[in-house]
Amino acid sequence: MLDDKDEALILALERDARASVVALARDIGLSRSATQERLGRLQRSGTIAGYTVVRGRAGNRTRLNACLMIRHARGGSCAGAIAPLKRLPEVRGIQSLAGDPDLLVQVSATDAADLDRIAEAVRALPGIGEVTTHVVLADHLRRP
């Protein structure tokens, strides 16, 4: 169970995952050693599963991001589709949905032709039925 200090530590890391333990300790009002211990405990428990880089506009090459809405083919399932989708390097996220469609898959392509190639590769996977592509026009909020 997370307490208020754990939540404060996680929020501080979400703001700046590169913050030093001293800076984190100052932010949450604990000693450096107590903060280090909490950080280690949160990592060991899996509450903090890792750290990532989120590209800002200055470091972003032009990319075409899209959402693929997937319906299973007859006899298809999320369990059968997820492993092959994970092997595609352009796939950035996969969510199972309640209702129709069955899956939401976020992909990143270099251009429209690359996006078409990715969508075709997804359509060719076993158990995949209909794939509808939605190009992302703008990101208004992105949280890690």
C-alpha atoms as a PDB file:
ATOM      1  CA  MET A   1       0.000   0.000   0.000  1.00  0.00           C
ATOM      2  CA  LEU A   2       1.380   3.386  -0.980  1.00  0.00           C
ATOM      3  CA  ASP A   3       1.437   6.173   1.561  1.00  0.00           C
ATOM      4  CA  ASP A   4       1.491   9.930   0.926  1.00  0.00           C
ATOM      5  CA  LYS A   5       5.303  10.060   0.747  1.00  0.00           C
ATOM      6  CA  ASP A   6       5.374   7.217  -1.818  1.00  0.00           C
ATOM      7  CA  GLU A   7       2.791   9.064  -3.929  1.00  0.00           C
ATOM      8  CA  ALA A   8       4.784  12.309  -3.611  1.00  0.00           C
ATOM      9  CA  LEU A   9       7.962  10.498  -4.685  1.00  0.00           C
ATOM     10  CA  ILE A  10       6.253   8.967  -7.725  1.00  0.00           C
ATOM     11  CA  LEU A  11       4.785  12.352  -8.714  1.00  0.00           C
ATOM     12  CA  ALA A  12       8.218  13.986  -8.371  1.00  0.00           C
ATOM     13  CA  LEU A  13       9.726  11.286 -10.608  1.00  0.00           C
ATOM     14  CA  GLU A  14       6.938  11.740 -13.159  1.00  0.00           C
ATOM     15  CA  ARG A  15       7.859  15.440 -13.327  1.00  0.00           C
ATOM     16  CA  ASP A  16      11.596  14.716 -13.622  1.00  0.00           C
ATOM     17  CA  ALA A  17      12.801  11.112 -13.708  1.00  0.00           C
ATOM     18  CA  ARG A  18      16.410  12.357 -13.795  1.00  0.00           C
ATOM     19  CA  ALA A  19      16.166  14.263 -10.511  1.00  0.00           C
ATOM     20  CA  SER A  20      18.852  13.370  -7.999  1.00  0.00           C
ATOM     21  CA  VAL A  21      17.900  11.527  -4.833  1.00  0.00           C
ATOM     22  CA  VAL A  22      18.871  14.664  -2.883  1.00  0.00           C
ATOM     23  CA  ALA A  23      16.465  16.777  -4.966  1.00  0.00           C
ATOM     24  CA  LEU A  24      13.713  14.155  -4.615  1.00  0.00           C
ATOM     25  CA  ALA A  25      14.269  14.028  -0.851  1.00  0.00           C
ATOM     26  CA  ARG A  26      13.975  17.811  -0.644  1.00  0.00           C
ATOM     27  CA  ASP A  27      10.759  17.713  -2.733  1.00  0.00           C
ATOM     28  CA  ILE A  28       9.039  15.137  -0.552  1.00  0.00           C
ATOM     29  CA  GLY A  29      10.432  16.237   2.818  1.00  0.00           C
ATOM     30  CA  LEU A  30      12.501  13.174   3.733  1.00  0.00           C
ATOM     31  CA  SER A  31      16.193  12.481   4.218  1.00  0.00           C
ATOM     32  CA  ARG A  32      18.297  11.288   1.310  1.00  0.00           C
ATOM     33  CA  SER A  33      18.669   7.809   2.836  1.00  0.00           C
ATOM     34  CA  ALA A  34      14.930   7.461   3.556  1.00  0.00           C
ATOM     35  CA  THR A  35      14.143   8.576   0.002  1.00  0.00           C
ATOM     36  CA  GLN A  36      16.696   6.136  -1.454  1.00  0.00           C
ATOM     37  CA  GLU A  37      15.152   3.296   0.580  1.00  0.00           C
ATOM     38  CA  ARG A  38      11.630   4.187  -0.607  1.00  0.00           C
ATOM     39  CA  LEU A  39      12.825   4.401  -4.195  1.00  0.00           C
ATOM     40  CA  GLY A  40      14.434   0.954  -3.938  1.00  0.00           C
ATOM     41  CA  ARG A  41      11.301  -0.534  -2.336  1.00  0.00           C
ATOM     42  CA  LEU A  42       9.061   0.946  -5.050  1.00  0.00           C
ATOM     43  CA  GLN A  43      11.333  -0.501  -7.735  1.00  0.00           C
ATOM     44  CA  ARG A  44      11.563  -3.949  -6.107  1.00  0.00           C
ATOM     45  CA  SER A  45       7.774  -4.131  -5.689  1.00  0.00           C
ATOM     46  CA  GLY A  46       7.204  -3.229  -9.338  1.00  0.00           C
ATOM     47  CA  THR A  47       5.363  -0.006  -8.477  1.00  0.00           C
ATOM     48  CA  ILE A  48       8.092   1.755 -10.449  1.00  0.00           C
ATOM     49  CA  ALA A  49       8.666  -0.494 -13.434  1.00  0.00           C
ATOM     50  CA  GLY A  50      11.252   1.621 -15.230  1.00  0.00           C
ATOM     51  CA  TYR A  51      12.266   4.963 -16.566  1.00  0.00           C
ATOM     52  CA  THR A  52      11.789   6.226 -20.079  1.00  0.00           C
ATOM     53  CA  VAL A  53      12.612   9.049 -22.427  1.00  0.00           C
ATOM     54  CA  VAL A  54       9.791  11.115 -23.878  1.00  0.00           C
ATOM     55  CA  ARG A  55      10.972  13.114 -26.864  1.00  0.00           C
ATOM     56  CA  GLY A  56      10.242  16.804 -26.879  1.00  0.00           C
ATOM     57  CA  ARG A  57       9.568  18.735 -30.059  1.00  0.00           C
ATOM     58  CA  ALA A  58      13.198  19.851 -30.429  1.00  0.00           C
ATOM     59  CA  GLY A  59      14.498  16.254 -30.446  1.00  0.00           C
ATOM     60  CA  ASN A  60      11.674  14.741 -32.427  1.00  0.00           C
ATOM     61  CA  ARG A  61      12.273  13.728 -35.983  1.00  0.00           C
ATOM     62  CA  THR A  62       9.134  14.112 -37.993  1.00  0.00           C
ATOM     63  CA  ARG A  63       7.050  11.011 -37.288  1.00  0.00           C
ATOM     64  CA  LEU A  64       3.589   9.986 -38.322  1.00  0.00           C
ATOM     65  CA  ASN A  65       1.753   8.561 -35.327  1.00  0.00           C
ATOM     66  CA  ALA A  66      -1.462   6.620 -35.734  1.00  0.00           C
ATOM     67  CA  CYS A  67      -3.943   4.435 -33.900  1.00  0.00           C
ATOM     68  CA  LEU A  68      -4.968   1.149 -35.437  1.00  0.00           C
ATOM     69  CA  MET A  69      -8.418   0.001 -34.359  1.00  0.00           C
ATOM     70  CA  ILE A  70      -8.497  -3.787 -34.703  1.00  0.00           C
ATOM     71  CA  ARG A  71     -11.353  -6.245 -34.787  1.00  0.00           C
ATOM     72  CA  HIS A  72     -10.514  -9.920 -34.389  1.00  0.00           C
ATOM     73  CA  ALA A  73     -11.166 -12.350 -37.193  1.00  0.00           C
ATOM     74  CA  ARG A  74     -13.539 -15.200 -36.387  1.00  0.00           C
ATOM     75  CA  GLY A  75     -11.776 -17.296 -33.771  1.00  0.00           C
ATOM     76  CA  GLY A  76      -9.221 -14.553 -33.056  1.00  0.00           C
ATOM     77  CA  SER A  77      -8.496 -13.248 -29.575  1.00  0.00           C
ATOM     78  CA  CYS A  78      -6.517 -10.577 -27.779  1.00  0.00           C
ATOM     79  CA  ALA A  79      -4.276 -13.254 -26.295  1.00  0.00           C
ATOM     80  CA  GLY A  80      -3.432 -14.550 -29.759  1.00  0.00           C
ATOM     81  CA  ALA A  81      -2.839 -11.127 -31.294  1.00  0.00           C
ATOM     82  CA  ILE A  82      -0.772  -9.393 -28.618  1.00  0.00           C
ATOM     83  CA  ALA A  83       2.496 -11.370 -28.866  1.00  0.00           C
ATOM     84  CA  PRO A  84       2.856 -10.904 -32.666  1.00  0.00           C
ATOM     85  CA  LEU A  85       1.964  -7.208 -32.345  1.00  0.00           C
ATOM     86  CA  LYS A  86       4.628  -6.729 -29.663  1.00  0.00           C
ATOM     87  CA  ARG A  87       7.255  -8.024 -32.101  1.00  0.00           C
ATOM     88  CA  LEU A  88       6.601  -5.170 -34.543  1.00  0.00           C
ATOM     89  CA  PRO A  89       9.107  -2.426 -33.641  1.00  0.00           C
ATOM     90  CA  GLU A  90       6.788   0.337 -34.841  1.00  0.00           C
ATOM     91  CA  VAL A  91       4.144  -0.597 -32.251  1.00  0.00           C
ATOM     92  CA  ARG A  92       4.276   1.842 -29.324  1.00  0.00           C
ATOM     93  CA  GLY A  93       1.255   0.695 -27.317  1.00  0.00           C
ATOM     94  CA  ILE A  94      -1.434  -1.973 -27.231  1.00  0.00           C
ATOM     95  CA  GLN A  95      -4.702  -1.820 -25.307  1.00  0.00           C
ATOM     96  CA  SER A  96      -7.524  -4.369 -25.175  1.00  0.00           C
ATOM     97  CA  LEU A  97     -10.911  -2.664 -25.319  1.00  0.00           C
ATOM     98  CA  ALA A  98     -14.335  -3.563 -24.019  1.00  0.00           C
ATOM     99  CA  GLY A  99     -16.762  -3.588 -26.922  1.00  0.00           C
ATOM    100  CA  ASP A 100     -16.033  -2.835 -30.539  1.00  0.00           C
ATOM    101  CA  PRO A 101     -13.222  -2.693 -31.684  1.00  0.00           C
ATOM    102  CA  ASP A 102     -11.217  -5.273 -29.759  1.00  0.00           C
ATOM    103  CA  LEU A 103      -7.768  -3.656 -29.723  1.00  0.00           C
ATOM    104  CA  LEU A 104      -6.254  -0.191 -29.932  1.00  0.00           C
ATOM    105  CA  VAL A 105      -2.681  -0.233 -31.215  1.00  0.00           C
ATOM    106  CA  GLN A 106      -0.520   2.903 -31.338  1.00  0.00           C
ATOM    107  CA  VAL A 107       2.139   2.927 -34.042  1.00  0.00           C
ATOM    108  CA  SER A 108       4.825   5.324 -35.210  1.00  0.00           C
ATOM    109  CA  ALA A 109       5.797   5.536 -38.893  1.00  0.00           C
ATOM    110  CA  THR A 110       8.243   7.591 -40.917  1.00  0.00           C
ATOM    111  CA  ASP A 111       5.626   8.642 -43.487  1.00  0.00           C
ATOM    112  CA  ALA A 112       2.302   7.608 -45.076  1.00  0.00           C
ATOM    113  CA  ALA A 113       3.880   4.813 -47.127  1.00  0.00           C
ATOM    114  CA  ASP A 114       5.519   3.400 -44.004  1.00  0.00           C
ATOM    115  CA  LEU A 115       2.201   3.615 -42.141  1.00  0.00           C
ATOM    116  CA  ASP A 116       0.537   1.680 -44.971  1.00  0.00           C
ATOM    117  CA  ARG A 117       3.261  -0.980 -44.757  1.00  0.00           C
ATOM    118  CA  ILE A 118       2.758  -1.266 -40.980  1.00  0.00           C
ATOM    119  CA  ALA A 119      -1.038  -1.549 -41.317  1.00  0.00           C
ATOM    120  CA  GLU A 120      -0.607  -4.259 -43.963  1.00  0.00           C
ATOM    121  CA  ALA A 121       1.806  -6.150 -41.714  1.00  0.00           C
ATOM    122  CA  VAL A 122      -0.775  -6.011 -38.915  1.00  0.00           C
ATOM    123  CA  ARG A 123      -3.568  -7.185 -41.256  1.00  0.00           C
ATOM    124  CA  ALA A 124      -1.414 -10.186 -42.223  1.00  0.00           C
ATOM    125  CA  LEU A 125      -1.106 -11.407 -38.619  1.00  0.00           C
ATOM    126  CA  PRO A 126      -3.138 -14.497 -37.684  1.00  0.00           C
ATOM    127  CA  GLY A 127      -6.436 -13.753 -35.960  1.00  0.00           C
ATOM    128  CA  ILE A 128      -6.581 -10.144 -37.161  1.00  0.00           C
ATOM    129  CA  GLY A 129      -9.770  -9.206 -38.964  1.00  0.00           C
ATOM    130  CA  GLU A 130     -10.549  -5.591 -39.764  1.00  0.00           C
ATOM    131  CA  VAL A 131      -7.958  -2.837 -39.223  1.00  0.00           C
ATOM    132  CA  THR A 132      -8.972   0.823 -39.320  1.00  0.00           C
ATOM    133  CA  THR A 133      -6.201   3.437 -39.297  1.00  0.00           C
ATOM    134  CA  HIS A 134      -6.580   6.812 -37.588  1.00  0.00           C
ATOM    135  CA  VAL A 135      -3.716   9.283 -38.084  1.00  0.00           C
ATOM    136  CA  VAL A 136      -2.867  11.430 -35.064  1.00  0.00           C
ATOM    137  CA  LEU A 137      -3.017  15.109 -36.031  1.00  0.00           C
ATOM    138  CA  ALA A 138      -1.754  16.563 -32.744  1.00  0.00           C
ATOM    139  CA  ASP A 139      -0.778  15.457 -29.245  1.00  0.00           C
ATOM    140  CA  HIS A 140      -2.488  17.693 -26.708  1.00  0.00           C
ATOM    141  CA  LEU A 141      -1.451  15.717 -23.631  1.00  0.00           C
ATOM    142  CA  ARG A 142       1.033  12.867 -23.306  1.00  0.00           C
ATOM    143  CA  ARG A 143       2.010  11.426 -19.946  1.00  0.00           C
ATOM    144  CA  PRO A 144       4.502   8.622 -19.422  1.00  0.00           C
END
